[in-house]
Amino acid sequence: MDKIHAMRLFVRVAEMASFTQAAHTLGLPRGSVSRQIQALENTVGTRLLHRTTRRVQLTQDGIVYYERCRDLLANLEELDGLFSRSAANLSGRLRVDMPVGLAKNVIIPRLPEFLQQHPGIELELSSSDRLVDVIQEGFDCVIRVGQLKDSGLVARRLGQLSIINCASPDYLARFGYPERPDCLASHAVVHYATILGARPAGFEICENSETRWVQTGGMLTVNSTETYYAACIAGLGIIQVPRVGVRDALRNGTLVEILPQYRAAPMPVSLIWPHRRSLSRRVHAFMEWLNIVLQGYVD
């Protein structure tokens, strides 16, 4: 059995959910495709596909094997063009993760240029407020904002994001403009917590390279950055956010910066990836592009 050929057949069957359709698109007898995948299952020692009269579905082991097969086959295709300098020869899947605000305001607007340069790359972009498991979830690289924990991953510092304090004009019209941090005891601050139920530390201030926390008022805690911004725009309180996330809101007057002399410490921006002997050319190309794009937004 040609294992690589069998893996290609398996991927095609999995994607089409049909032996018959996969065989037709490949110009092969259905029985031949079925026998090779059965031989592949015998080799790996597990059932990869559930077969019914109507449909073919991946088993749990099959899902894992399918993901690995796609990556392996993409790497093999890239290996064929290893010594070609043409960007068009980069191909395969890229799985990346980054914060919602960074994806929405910085990366997505510039993404068409990268995909036009590399039409053979299939990008899977994850963006959420949770910390993904880079290795277990199969990410090629991840952008993290904030201090990194010692995870055994490779990290590259890209810069830092300035943090500013914001409120809506409506909020300031109703409750006034706080002149000093100690005024915040009578103001509402929208709190952000990754896990609801955790007690927010308060309002962060960096003075003389030291961080301190000021107790504030406020009755709302959220666990989503999008909700955090929306709550501030709705006049529910003051927030502390990276400037890049509210540039448009500041320009059009939806939000107003307050207490500019009392900002939180800047947040580091890092690119992390699994520790591997070498990165594929497509991952390296994407990371270098990310670095260029972010330089216009980080300090």
Protein backbone atom coordinates (compact mmCIF):
# COMPACT_ATOMS: atom_id res chain seq x y z
CA MET A 1 0.00 0.00 0.00
CA ASP A 2 1.19 3.48 -0.91
CA LYS A 3 0.44 5.13 2.42
CA ILE A 4 0.66 8.71 1.13
CA HIS A 5 -1.73 7.87 -1.70
CA ALA A 6 -4.09 6.19 0.77
CA MET A 7 -4.00 9.27 2.98
CA ARG A 8 -4.95 11.46 0.02
CA LEU A 9 -7.87 9.13 -0.72
CA PHE A 10 -8.94 9.22 2.93
CA VAL A 11 -8.91 13.05 3.00
CA ARG A 12 -11.00 13.21 -0.19
CA VAL A 13 -13.57 10.73 1.15
CA ALA A 14 -13.75 12.55 4.47
CA GLU A 15 -14.32 15.91 2.79
CA MET A 16 -16.95 14.60 0.39
CA ALA A 17 -18.56 12.25 2.95
CA SER A 18 -18.91 9.70 0.19
CA PHE A 19 -16.80 6.88 -1.27
CA THR A 20 -18.70 7.08 -4.54
CA GLN A 21 -18.26 10.81 -5.08
CA ALA A 22 -14.62 10.74 -3.99
CA ALA A 23 -13.87 7.87 -6.37
CA HIS A 24 -15.66 9.68 -9.21
CA THR A 25 -13.65 12.90 -8.75
CA LEU A 26 -10.42 10.89 -8.65
CA GLY A 27 -11.29 8.73 -11.63
CA LEU A 28 -10.92 5.50 -9.61
CA PRO A 29 -13.19 2.51 -9.00
CA ARG A 30 -15.16 2.86 -5.75
CA GLY A 31 -14.05 -0.57 -4.60
CA SER A 32 -10.39 0.36 -5.02
CA VAL A 33 -10.82 3.46 -2.86
CA SER A 34 -12.68 1.50 -0.20
CA ARG A 35 -10.02 -1.23 -0.06
CA GLN A 36 -7.14 1.23 0.27
CA ILE A 37 -8.80 3.11 3.12
CA GLN A 38 -9.58 -0.18 4.86
CA ALA A 39 -5.91 -1.09 4.52
CA LEU A 40 -5.02 2.33 5.96
CA GLU A 41 -7.29 1.70 8.95
CA ASN A 42 -5.61 -1.67 9.49
CA THR A 43 -2.21 0.00 9.39
CA VAL A 44 -3.04 2.74 11.92
CA GLY A 45 -5.00 0.31 14.07
CA THR A 46 -8.29 2.16 14.40
CA ARG A 47 -11.57 2.81 12.59
CA LEU A 48 -11.37 6.15 10.80
CA LEU A 49 -14.79 6.26 9.13
CA HIS A 50 -18.33 5.30 10.06
CA ARG A 51 -19.91 3.76 6.97
CA THR A 52 -23.70 3.72 6.45
CA THR A 53 -25.84 3.24 3.36
CA ARG A 54 -26.48 6.99 3.18
CA ARG A 55 -23.40 8.70 4.52
CA VAL A 56 -19.77 8.39 5.53
CA GLN A 57 -18.71 10.13 8.72
CA LEU A 58 -15.42 10.52 10.54
CA THR A 59 -14.97 8.73 13.84
CA GLN A 60 -13.38 10.59 16.76
CA ASP A 61 -10.04 9.02 15.86
CA GLY A 62 -10.78 9.82 12.24
CA ILE A 63 -11.19 13.52 13.02
CA VAL A 64 -7.75 13.64 14.64
CA TYR A 65 -6.16 11.62 11.83
CA TYR A 66 -7.83 13.79 9.17
CA GLU A 67 -6.38 16.98 10.67
CA ARG A 68 -2.89 15.46 10.82
CA CYS A 69 -3.19 14.11 7.28
CA ARG A 70 -4.10 17.53 5.89
CA ASP A 71 -1.10 19.11 7.57
CA LEU A 72 1.26 16.35 6.47
CA LEU A 73 0.07 16.42 2.85
CA ALA A 74 0.33 20.22 2.77
CA ASN A 75 3.89 19.99 4.06
CA LEU A 76 4.74 17.45 1.38
CA GLU A 77 3.34 19.73 -1.32
CA GLU A 78 5.34 22.62 0.11
CA LEU A 79 8.45 20.45 0.14
CA ASP A 80 8.10 19.99 -3.62
CA GLY A 81 8.42 23.75 -4.02
CA LEU A 82 11.05 24.21 -1.34
CA PHE A 83 13.60 25.84 -3.61
CA SER A 84 11.16 27.99 -5.53
CA ARG A 85 11.19 31.68 -4.64
CA SER A 86 7.67 32.28 -5.90
CA ALA A 87 5.19 33.26 -3.18
CA ALA A 88 2.45 31.61 -5.21
CA ASN A 89 4.04 28.23 -4.48
CA LEU A 90 3.22 28.46 -0.76
CA SER A 91 0.25 26.26 -0.01
CA GLY A 92 -1.48 24.41 2.77
CA ARG A 93 -3.49 25.20 5.86
CA LEU A 94 -2.59 27.82 8.47
CA ARG A 95 -4.36 27.84 11.85
CA VAL A 96 -3.82 31.00 13.90
CA ASP A 97 -5.43 32.66 16.91
CA MET A 98 -5.49 36.27 18.11
CA PRO A 99 -7.60 38.58 20.30
CA VAL A 100 -10.93 39.73 18.87
CA GLY A 101 -10.07 43.43 18.84
CA LEU A 102 -6.75 42.87 17.11
CA ALA A 103 -8.36 40.65 14.47
CA LYS A 104 -11.24 43.06 13.83
CA ASN A 105 -9.36 46.36 13.84
CA VAL A 106 -5.90 45.47 12.55
CA ILE A 107 -5.52 42.09 10.85
CA ILE A 108 -8.80 41.56 8.94
CA PRO A 109 -8.61 44.92 7.09
CA ARG A 110 -5.13 44.00 5.80
CA LEU A 111 -5.73 40.27 5.29
CA PRO A 112 -6.76 40.46 1.61
CA GLU A 113 -3.25 41.54 0.64
CA PHE A 114 -1.68 38.47 2.29
CA LEU A 115 -4.15 36.03 0.73
CA GLN A 116 -3.71 37.64 -2.68
CA GLN A 117 0.06 37.20 -2.37
CA HIS A 118 -0.35 33.56 -1.31
CA PRO A 119 -3.45 32.16 -3.07
CA GLY A 120 -2.50 28.58 -2.21
CA ILE A 121 -2.79 29.12 1.56
CA GLU A 122 -5.97 28.19 3.37
CA LEU A 123 -6.26 30.27 6.55
CA GLU A 124 -8.19 29.27 9.67
CA LEU A 125 -8.45 32.35 11.90
CA SER A 126 -9.61 31.93 15.48
CA SER A 127 -10.39 34.99 17.60
CA SER A 128 -11.93 34.83 21.05
CA ASP A 129 -11.27 35.96 24.61
CA ARG A 130 -10.19 32.54 25.82
CA LEU A 131 -6.59 31.32 25.84
CA VAL A 132 -6.38 28.50 23.33
CA ASP A 133 -4.15 25.47 23.83
CA VAL A 134 -1.63 26.04 21.07
CA ILE A 135 -0.40 22.46 20.87
CA GLN A 136 -3.55 20.46 21.64
CA GLU A 137 -5.70 22.54 19.28
CA GLY A 138 -3.13 22.45 16.50
CA PHE A 139 -2.36 26.17 16.10
CA ASP A 140 0.61 27.17 13.99
CA CYS A 141 1.01 30.51 15.73
CA VAL A 142 -0.88 32.74 18.16
CA ILE A 143 -0.80 36.44 19.01
CA ARG A 144 -1.04 37.07 22.75
CA VAL A 145 -1.58 40.44 24.42
CA GLY A 146 -0.41 40.65 28.05
CA GLN A 147 2.21 38.97 30.16
CA LEU A 148 3.10 35.45 29.04
CA LYS A 149 3.22 32.45 31.31
CA ASP A 150 6.10 30.02 31.08
CA SER A 151 4.48 27.51 28.74
CA GLY A 152 7.47 25.96 26.97
CA LEU A 153 6.39 27.64 23.71
CA VAL A 154 8.61 29.80 21.55
CA ALA A 155 7.83 33.52 21.94
CA ARG A 156 8.78 36.60 19.94
CA ARG A 157 8.08 40.04 21.38
CA LEU A 158 6.48 42.33 18.79
CA GLY A 159 6.04 45.46 20.88
CA GLN A 160 3.45 46.81 23.29
CA LEU A 161 0.02 48.44 23.12
CA SER A 162 -0.75 51.75 24.83
CA ILE A 163 -3.68 51.50 27.26
CA ILE A 164 -6.03 54.46 27.63
CA ASN A 165 -9.04 55.29 29.78
CA CYS A 166 -12.32 55.95 27.97
CA ALA A 167 -15.88 57.01 28.63
CA SER A 168 -18.80 57.98 26.42
CA PRO A 169 -19.88 61.63 26.06
CA ASP A 170 -23.27 60.64 27.50
CA TYR A 171 -21.66 59.17 30.61
CA LEU A 172 -19.51 62.28 31.16
CA ALA A 173 -22.52 64.58 30.65
CA ARG A 174 -24.44 62.71 33.36
CA PHE A 175 -21.71 62.04 35.91
CA GLY A 176 -18.98 64.57 35.20
CA TYR A 177 -15.32 64.26 34.27
CA PRO A 178 -13.08 62.63 36.91
CA GLU A 179 -10.03 64.81 37.44
CA ARG A 180 -8.04 62.41 39.64
CA PRO A 181 -7.99 58.66 40.33
CA ASP A 182 -9.47 59.14 43.80
CA CYS A 183 -12.57 60.62 42.14
CA LEU A 184 -13.31 57.17 40.69
CA ALA A 185 -14.83 55.99 43.97
CA SER A 186 -17.99 57.86 42.92
CA HIS A 187 -17.81 56.78 39.28
CA ALA A 188 -18.86 53.59 37.54
CA VAL A 189 -16.16 51.44 35.97
CA VAL A 190 -17.07 48.52 33.70
CA HIS A 191 -15.05 45.56 34.94
CA TYR A 192 -13.59 42.83 32.76
CA ALA A 193 -12.99 39.31 34.08
CA THR A 194 -12.04 36.26 32.04
CA ILE A 195 -14.01 34.10 34.46
CA LEU A 196 -17.22 35.56 35.85
CA GLY A 197 -17.28 35.44 39.62
CA ALA A 198 -13.67 36.56 39.94
CA ARG A 199 -13.31 39.82 41.82
CA PRO A 200 -11.85 42.58 39.59
CA ALA A 201 -8.80 44.29 41.08
CA GLY A 202 -10.07 47.78 40.31
CA PHE A 203 -8.70 50.61 38.19
CA GLU A 204 -5.04 50.18 37.19
CA ILE A 205 -2.63 53.11 37.27
CA CYS A 206 1.08 53.11 36.45
CA GLU A 207 3.11 55.79 38.25
CA ASN A 208 6.89 55.94 38.32
CA SER A 209 7.06 52.47 36.73
CA GLU A 210 4.96 51.03 39.55
CA THR A 211 1.42 49.72 39.25
CA ARG A 212 -1.27 50.44 41.80
CA TRP A 213 -5.00 49.74 41.89
CA VAL A 214 -7.71 52.27 42.71
CA GLN A 215 -11.06 51.14 44.09
CA THR A 216 -14.04 52.34 42.07
CA GLY A 217 -17.77 52.18 41.77
CA GLY A 218 -19.56 50.17 39.10
CA MET A 219 -22.07 47.35 39.00
CA LEU A 220 -21.25 45.64 35.69
CA THR A 221 -18.66 42.92 35.02
CA VAL A 222 -18.32 41.31 31.58
CA ASN A 223 -16.17 38.53 30.12
CA SER A 224 -16.15 39.61 26.46
CA THR A 225 -14.08 42.40 24.95
CA GLU A 226 -16.84 43.24 22.48
CA THR A 227 -19.34 43.57 25.33
CA TYR A 228 -16.79 45.61 27.26
CA TYR A 229 -16.59 48.19 24.46
CA ALA A 230 -20.36 48.17 23.92
CA ALA A 231 -21.02 48.79 27.62
CA CYS A 232 -18.80 51.87 27.59
CA ILE A 233 -20.40 53.24 24.43
CA ALA A 234 -23.82 52.71 26.05
CA GLY A 235 -22.77 54.95 28.94
CA LEU A 236 -22.52 52.22 31.56
CA GLY A 237 -19.10 53.25 32.81
CA ILE A 238 -15.40 53.85 32.23
CA ILE A 239 -13.10 51.28 30.62
CA GLN A 240 -9.36 50.78 30.11
CA VAL A 241 -8.50 49.51 26.64
CA PRO A 242 -5.68 49.38 24.08
CA ARG A 243 -5.82 52.56 22.00
CA VAL A 244 -5.79 50.52 18.79
CA GLY A 245 -9.17 49.00 19.70
CA VAL A 246 -10.96 52.35 20.00
CA ARG A 247 -9.22 54.49 17.35
CA ASP A 248 -12.36 54.89 15.26
CA ALA A 249 -14.54 55.58 18.29
CA LEU A 250 -12.16 58.31 19.43
CA ARG A 251 -12.08 59.87 15.95
CA ASN A 252 -15.86 60.00 15.57
CA GLY A 253 -16.50 61.10 19.15
CA THR A 254 -18.31 57.94 20.27
CA LEU A 255 -15.74 57.65 23.07
CA VAL A 256 -13.57 60.23 24.82
CA GLU A 257 -10.18 59.65 26.44
CA ILE A 258 -10.09 60.64 30.12
CA LEU A 259 -7.38 60.80 32.77
CA PRO A 260 -4.57 60.72 30.15
CA GLN A 261 -1.96 61.27 32.84
CA TYR A 262 -3.16 58.20 34.75
CA ARG A 263 -2.84 55.28 32.35
CA ALA A 264 -2.31 51.61 32.99
CA ALA A 265 0.99 50.02 32.02
CA PRO A 266 1.30 49.17 28.30
CA MET A 267 0.45 45.57 27.38
CA PRO A 268 3.13 43.50 25.62
CA VAL A 269 2.24 41.88 22.31
CA SER A 270 3.89 38.54 21.55
CA LEU A 271 3.83 35.98 18.79
CA ILE A 272 4.07 32.42 20.09
CA TRP A 273 4.30 29.07 18.36
CA PRO A 274 5.08 25.43 19.19
CA HIS A 275 8.71 24.51 19.61
CA ARG A 276 9.62 22.75 16.39
CA ARG A 277 12.93 22.18 14.68
CA SER A 278 11.88 24.32 11.75
CA LEU A 279 8.82 26.27 10.66
CA SER A 280 7.15 25.63 7.34
CA ARG A 281 7.59 28.37 4.76
CA ARG A 282 3.90 29.32 4.91
CA VAL A 283 3.97 29.78 8.71
CA HIS A 284 7.18 31.79 8.50
CA ALA A 285 5.70 33.98 5.72
CA PHE A 286 2.55 34.67 7.73
CA MET A 287 4.45 35.52 10.90
CA GLU A 288 6.71 37.95 9.06
CA TRP A 289 3.65 39.58 7.50
CA LEU A 290 2.01 39.87 10.94
CA ASN A 291 5.12 41.55 12.29
CA ILE A 292 5.08 44.15 9.50
CA VAL A 293 1.36 44.87 9.90
CA LEU A 294 1.55 45.25 13.67
CA GLN A 295 4.48 47.64 13.61
CA GLY A 296 2.07 50.45 12.74
CA TYR A 297 0.11 49.83 15.94
CA VAL A 298 2.59 48.84 18.63
CA ASP A 299 5.05 51.01 20.50
